């Protein structure tokens, strides 16, 4: 991987790309919260790349976006705000661009897991993983089989 020099043309281009990617998931956050800090963080990343503000102000916007993420209860909204925070933090340290990618991936995982489930399902949460138990399976099997239905990999 090519080393990117701080404040170089490549660094600014990377910050613009990170802001563009984070903006794609911003509606997820805005659906659950009226907080404008993640949007301001994206704008700060763009302003820094265009030379309108110093990186210190962009970094402060990044920290504010992460604070907004901590306030929201919805997991996808939290990940979206974190992606926006990392987009703004890319101005400070290039490596934060990986955080944007990471949190967008986490949103995709969450949305994919919810889309695959039918209406007649129960969703169990253990740590950060979601496990599905079909209600029809519970009707035909005794409750002692419940751990097997939720955590089948334990019994392989």
Protein backbone atom coordinates (compact mmCIF):
# COMPACT_ATOMS: atom_id res chain seq x y z
CA UNK A 1 0.00 0.00 0.00
CA UNK A 2 1.27 3.43 -0.93
CA UNK A 3 2.12 5.71 1.97
CA UNK A 4 -0.01 8.84 1.89
CA UNK A 5 1.63 12.03 3.11
CA UNK A 6 -0.35 14.20 5.52
CA UNK A 7 -2.15 17.12 3.79
CA UNK A 8 -1.17 15.88 0.34
CA UNK A 9 -3.47 15.86 -2.66
CA UNK A 10 -4.08 12.11 -2.17
CA UNK A 11 -4.96 12.66 1.49
CA UNK A 12 -7.54 15.30 0.59
CA UNK A 13 -8.98 13.12 -2.16
CA UNK A 14 -9.29 10.25 0.30
CA UNK A 15 -11.12 12.52 2.77
CA UNK A 16 -13.57 13.53 0.03
CA UNK A 17 -14.19 9.88 -0.87
CA UNK A 18 -14.72 8.99 2.80
CA UNK A 19 -17.22 11.85 3.14
CA UNK A 20 -19.08 10.70 0.04
CA UNK A 21 -19.33 7.11 1.33
CA UNK A 22 -20.43 8.21 4.80
CA UNK A 23 -23.08 10.47 3.31
CA UNK A 24 -24.70 7.43 1.69
CA UNK A 25 -25.54 5.96 5.11
CA UNK A 26 -26.40 9.28 6.79
CA UNK A 27 -30.17 8.93 6.08
CA UNK A 28 -30.16 5.86 8.34
CA UNK A 29 -29.01 8.04 11.23
CA UNK A 30 -31.32 10.92 10.36
CA UNK A 31 -34.30 8.55 10.32
CA UNK A 32 -33.74 7.85 14.03
CA UNK A 33 -32.38 11.17 15.27
CA UNK A 34 -32.69 14.88 14.57
CA UNK A 35 -29.07 15.47 15.61
CA UNK A 36 -27.11 17.33 12.92
CA UNK A 37 -23.59 16.56 14.19
CA UNK A 38 -22.87 13.67 11.78
CA UNK A 39 -23.94 15.82 8.81
CA UNK A 40 -21.71 18.63 10.08
CA UNK A 41 -18.82 16.15 10.33
CA UNK A 42 -19.21 15.21 6.67
CA UNK A 43 -19.30 18.88 5.72
CA UNK A 44 -16.18 19.50 7.84
CA UNK A 45 -14.33 16.76 5.95
CA UNK A 46 -15.27 18.38 2.65
CA UNK A 47 -14.35 21.86 3.88
CA UNK A 48 -10.95 20.60 5.07
CA UNK A 49 -10.25 18.94 1.72
CA UNK A 50 -11.08 22.21 -0.05
CA UNK A 51 -8.86 24.22 2.30
CA UNK A 52 -11.67 26.14 4.03
CA UNK A 53 -10.92 24.93 7.59
CA UNK A 54 -7.96 23.54 9.55
CA UNK A 55 -7.81 19.87 10.50
CA UNK A 56 -8.37 20.69 14.18
CA UNK A 57 -11.90 21.89 13.47
CA UNK A 58 -12.61 18.79 11.37
CA UNK A 59 -11.31 16.61 14.21
CA UNK A 60 -13.64 18.34 16.65
CA UNK A 61 -16.56 17.66 14.29
CA UNK A 62 -15.52 14.01 14.19
CA UNK A 63 -15.61 13.78 17.98
CA UNK A 64 -19.04 15.44 17.99
CA UNK A 65 -20.34 12.87 15.49
CA UNK A 66 -19.10 10.06 17.74
CA UNK A 67 -20.88 11.73 20.68
CA UNK A 68 -24.09 11.72 18.62
CA UNK A 69 -23.52 8.01 17.94
CA UNK A 70 -23.33 7.30 21.66
CA UNK A 71 -26.66 9.07 22.24
CA UNK A 72 -28.71 7.07 19.74
CA UNK A 73 -30.29 3.77 20.70
CA UNK A 74 -30.61 2.25 17.22
CA UNK A 75 -27.61 0.14 16.22
CA UNK A 76 -27.63 0.98 12.49
CA UNK A 77 -28.00 4.70 13.29
CA UNK A 78 -25.06 4.44 15.67
CA UNK A 79 -22.93 2.81 12.98
CA UNK A 80 -23.92 5.50 10.47
CA UNK A 81 -22.91 8.30 12.87
CA UNK A 82 -19.61 6.51 13.55
CA UNK A 83 -18.94 6.29 9.80
CA UNK A 84 -19.50 10.05 9.55
CA UNK A 85 -17.17 10.63 12.48
CA UNK A 86 -14.44 8.56 10.86
CA UNK A 87 -14.91 10.44 7.58
CA UNK A 88 -14.18 13.71 9.37
CA UNK A 89 -11.31 12.13 11.33
CA UNK A 90 -9.67 11.13 8.04
CA UNK A 91 -8.51 14.76 7.87
CA UNK A 92 -6.52 14.20 11.05
CA UNK A 93 -5.20 10.68 10.35
CA UNK A 94 -5.48 8.90 7.01
CA UNK A 95 -6.10 5.54 8.70
CA UNK A 96 -9.58 6.62 9.80
CA UNK A 97 -10.80 5.91 6.28
CA UNK A 98 -10.79 2.24 7.33
CA UNK A 99 -13.30 3.14 10.05
CA UNK A 100 -15.72 4.46 7.43
CA UNK A 101 -15.49 1.18 5.53
CA UNK A 102 -15.80 -0.86 8.71
CA UNK A 103 -18.99 0.82 9.96
CA UNK A 104 -20.63 0.79 6.53
CA UNK A 105 -19.93 -2.95 6.48
CA UNK A 106 -21.50 -3.31 9.93
CA UNK A 107 -24.63 -1.52 8.69
CA UNK A 108 -24.84 -3.85 5.70
CA UNK A 109 -24.52 -6.87 8.01
CA UNK A 110 -27.30 -5.65 10.27
CA UNK A 111 -29.68 -4.75 7.45
CA UNK A 112 -28.99 -8.03 5.66
CA UNK A 113 -29.74 -10.07 8.78
CA UNK A 114 -33.06 -8.28 9.31
CA UNK A 115 -34.17 -8.60 5.66
CA UNK A 116 -33.62 -12.35 5.64
CA UNK A 117 -36.00 -12.98 8.53
CA UNK A 118 -39.67 -13.63 8.06
CA UNK A 119 -42.48 -12.11 10.12
CA UNK A 120 -43.02 -15.30 12.14
CA UNK A 121 -39.60 -15.24 13.76
CA UNK A 122 -38.06 -14.39 17.06
CA UNK A 123 -34.80 -12.52 17.14
CA UNK A 124 -32.43 -13.28 19.99
CA UNK A 125 -29.45 -11.04 20.69
CA UNK A 126 -26.25 -12.32 22.20
CA UNK A 127 -23.31 -9.91 22.20
CA UNK A 128 -23.37 -8.34 18.75
CA UNK A 129 -24.76 -11.36 16.94
CA UNK A 130 -28.36 -12.00 16.10
CA UNK A 131 -29.84 -15.46 16.14
CA UNK A 132 -33.12 -16.51 14.66
CA UNK A 133 -35.60 -19.05 15.88
CA UNK A 134 -38.59 -19.82 13.70
CA UNK A 135 -41.81 -19.97 15.67
CA UNK A 136 -42.87 -23.02 13.70
CA UNK A 137 -39.75 -24.85 14.88
CA UNK A 138 -40.62 -24.03 18.48
CA UNK A 139 -44.14 -25.41 18.03
CA UNK A 140 -42.85 -28.80 16.89
CA UNK A 141 -39.89 -29.22 19.24
CA UNK A 142 -39.79 -29.14 23.02
CA UNK A 143 -38.22 -26.11 24.73
CA UNK A 144 -35.21 -28.18 25.82
CA UNK A 145 -34.05 -27.95 22.19
CA UNK A 146 -34.09 -24.15 22.27
CA UNK A 147 -30.30 -23.74 22.78
CA UNK A 148 -29.69 -26.01 19.79
CA UNK A 149 -32.02 -23.91 17.62
CA UNK A 150 -30.36 -20.65 18.65
CA UNK A 151 -26.71 -21.79 18.73
CA UNK A 152 -26.48 -24.77 16.33
CA UNK A 153 -22.72 -24.35 15.88
CA UNK A 154 -22.17 -25.32 19.54
CA UNK A 155 -23.49 -28.79 18.84
CA UNK A 156 -21.54 -29.63 15.69
